[in-house]
Protein backbone atom coordinates (compact mmCIF):
# COMPACT_ATOMS: atom_id res chain seq x y z
CA UNK A 1 -55.62 -192.70 -58.98
CA UNK A 2 -52.35 -193.48 -57.75
CA UNK A 3 -51.83 -190.22 -55.96
CA UNK A 4 -54.91 -190.04 -54.57
CA UNK A 5 -54.73 -193.64 -52.92
CA UNK A 6 -51.34 -192.37 -51.47
CA UNK A 7 -52.97 -189.25 -49.83
CA UNK A 8 -55.52 -192.09 -48.57
CA UNK A 9 -53.08 -194.26 -47.08
CA UNK A 10 -51.36 -191.05 -45.97
CA UNK A 11 -54.53 -190.21 -43.91
CA UNK A 12 -54.93 -193.79 -42.67
CA UNK A 13 -51.29 -193.66 -41.33
CA UNK A 14 -51.70 -190.64 -39.39
CA UNK A 15 -54.67 -191.70 -37.63
CA UNK A 16 -52.85 -194.75 -36.66
CA UNK A 17 -49.70 -192.44 -35.58
CA UNK A 18 -52.07 -190.20 -33.70
CA UNK A 19 -53.66 -192.71 -31.86
CA UNK A 20 -50.42 -193.28 -29.80
CA UNK A 21 -49.48 -189.57 -29.09
CA UNK A 22 -49.93 -188.47 -25.92
CA UNK A 23 -50.80 -185.02 -25.08
CA UNK A 24 -48.19 -185.00 -22.15
CA UNK A 25 -44.59 -185.75 -22.57
CA UNK A 26 -44.74 -188.96 -20.62
CA UNK A 27 -43.03 -191.82 -22.07
CA UNK A 28 -44.95 -195.43 -21.22
CA UNK A 29 -43.73 -199.19 -22.30
CA UNK A 30 -46.81 -199.84 -23.90
CA UNK A 31 -50.23 -198.96 -25.02
CA UNK A 32 -53.26 -200.60 -23.72
CA UNK A 33 -55.73 -202.05 -25.86
CA UNK A 34 -58.75 -200.24 -24.43
CA UNK A 35 -56.81 -197.11 -26.09
CA UNK A 36 -56.03 -198.47 -29.36
CA UNK A 37 -59.12 -201.39 -30.04
CA UNK A 38 -61.79 -199.89 -31.83
CA UNK A 39 -63.47 -198.84 -35.49
CA UNK A 40 -62.46 -195.21 -36.39
CA UNK A 41 -64.38 -193.60 -38.83
CA UNK A 42 -64.11 -190.11 -40.51
CA UNK A 43 -67.14 -189.02 -42.16
CA UNK A 44 -67.32 -186.31 -45.13
CA UNK A 45 -69.98 -183.87 -45.34
CA UNK A 46 -72.25 -181.87 -48.31
CA UNK A 47 -72.14 -183.36 -51.23
CA UNK A 48 -70.07 -186.77 -50.14
CA UNK A 49 -72.31 -187.06 -47.42
CA UNK A 50 -72.79 -190.64 -46.68
CA UNK A 51 -69.16 -191.51 -47.37
CA UNK A 52 -66.50 -192.40 -45.08
CA UNK A 53 -62.81 -193.74 -44.06
CA UNK A 54 -62.78 -196.50 -41.86
CA UNK A 55 -59.46 -197.52 -39.79
CA UNK A 56 -60.17 -200.81 -37.65
CA UNK A 57 -57.49 -201.67 -34.97
CA UNK A 58 -56.89 -204.75 -32.82
CA UNK A 59 -54.35 -205.70 -30.20
CA UNK A 60 -52.60 -209.05 -30.98
CA UNK A 61 -50.29 -208.60 -28.01
CA UNK A 62 -46.53 -208.75 -28.00
CA UNK A 63 -46.29 -205.02 -29.76
CA UNK A 64 -48.34 -206.26 -32.61
CA UNK A 65 -51.50 -204.66 -33.98
CA UNK A 66 -53.74 -205.93 -36.85
CA UNK A 67 -54.82 -203.06 -38.80
CA UNK A 68 -57.35 -202.78 -41.54
CA UNK A 69 -58.37 -199.42 -43.40
CA UNK A 70 -61.25 -199.03 -46.26
CA UNK A 71 -60.85 -195.99 -47.52
CA UNK A 72 -62.52 -193.55 -50.08
CA UNK A 73 -61.84 -190.03 -51.70
CA UNK A 74 -64.96 -188.67 -53.31
CA UNK A 75 -64.46 -186.14 -56.03
CA UNK A 76 -66.46 -184.22 -58.78
CA UNK A 77 -65.56 -185.54 -61.73
CA UNK A 78 -64.99 -184.18 -65.14
CA UNK A 79 -68.94 -184.52 -66.18
CA UNK A 80 -69.65 -182.85 -63.05
CA UNK A 81 -70.98 -186.41 -61.19
CA UNK A 82 -69.63 -187.44 -57.99
CA UNK A 83 -66.85 -190.06 -58.35
CA UNK A 84 -64.72 -191.92 -56.14
CA UNK A 85 -61.46 -193.68 -55.22
CA UNK A 86 -61.26 -196.58 -52.94
CA UNK A 87 -58.87 -198.58 -51.54
CA UNK A 88 -58.09 -201.06 -48.69
CA UNK A 89 -55.44 -202.52 -47.06
CA UNK A 90 -55.05 -205.06 -44.17
CA UNK A 91 -51.91 -206.29 -42.23
CA UNK A 92 -50.12 -206.32 -39.10
CA UNK A 93 -48.36 -203.32 -37.21
CA UNK A 94 -45.30 -203.72 -35.13
CA UNK A 95 -44.83 -201.26 -32.37
CA UNK A 96 -41.68 -199.51 -32.07
CA UNK A 97 -41.41 -197.30 -28.95
CA UNK A 98 -44.46 -194.61 -29.97
CA UNK A 99 -44.73 -195.73 -33.26
CA UNK A 100 -46.89 -198.31 -34.93
CA UNK A 101 -45.32 -199.96 -38.60
CA UNK A 102 -47.59 -200.97 -40.87
CA UNK A 103 -46.99 -204.32 -43.13
CA UNK A 104 -49.93 -205.15 -45.42
């Protein structure tokens, strides 16, 4: 279960980091609220349809973000039934350069 949660938190961290990556090699001093604020969902398909991972981001100003994760890792258990590991985190991310560092 710990391994799966680390994978989920890694996935959520990638979402957060990729939200700051630009396709151009330009550098900016800040990211606008309109570019970051929102609720971002990644939906599962097939037998896991209806499950999703959710990341909520809100700019706080002063180089800080409020970040909340609600993560699900669905899988087929040993008896063939659908099971899931779930996890959540809520905290602040400090923006340093082009990277947000999350603290829960």
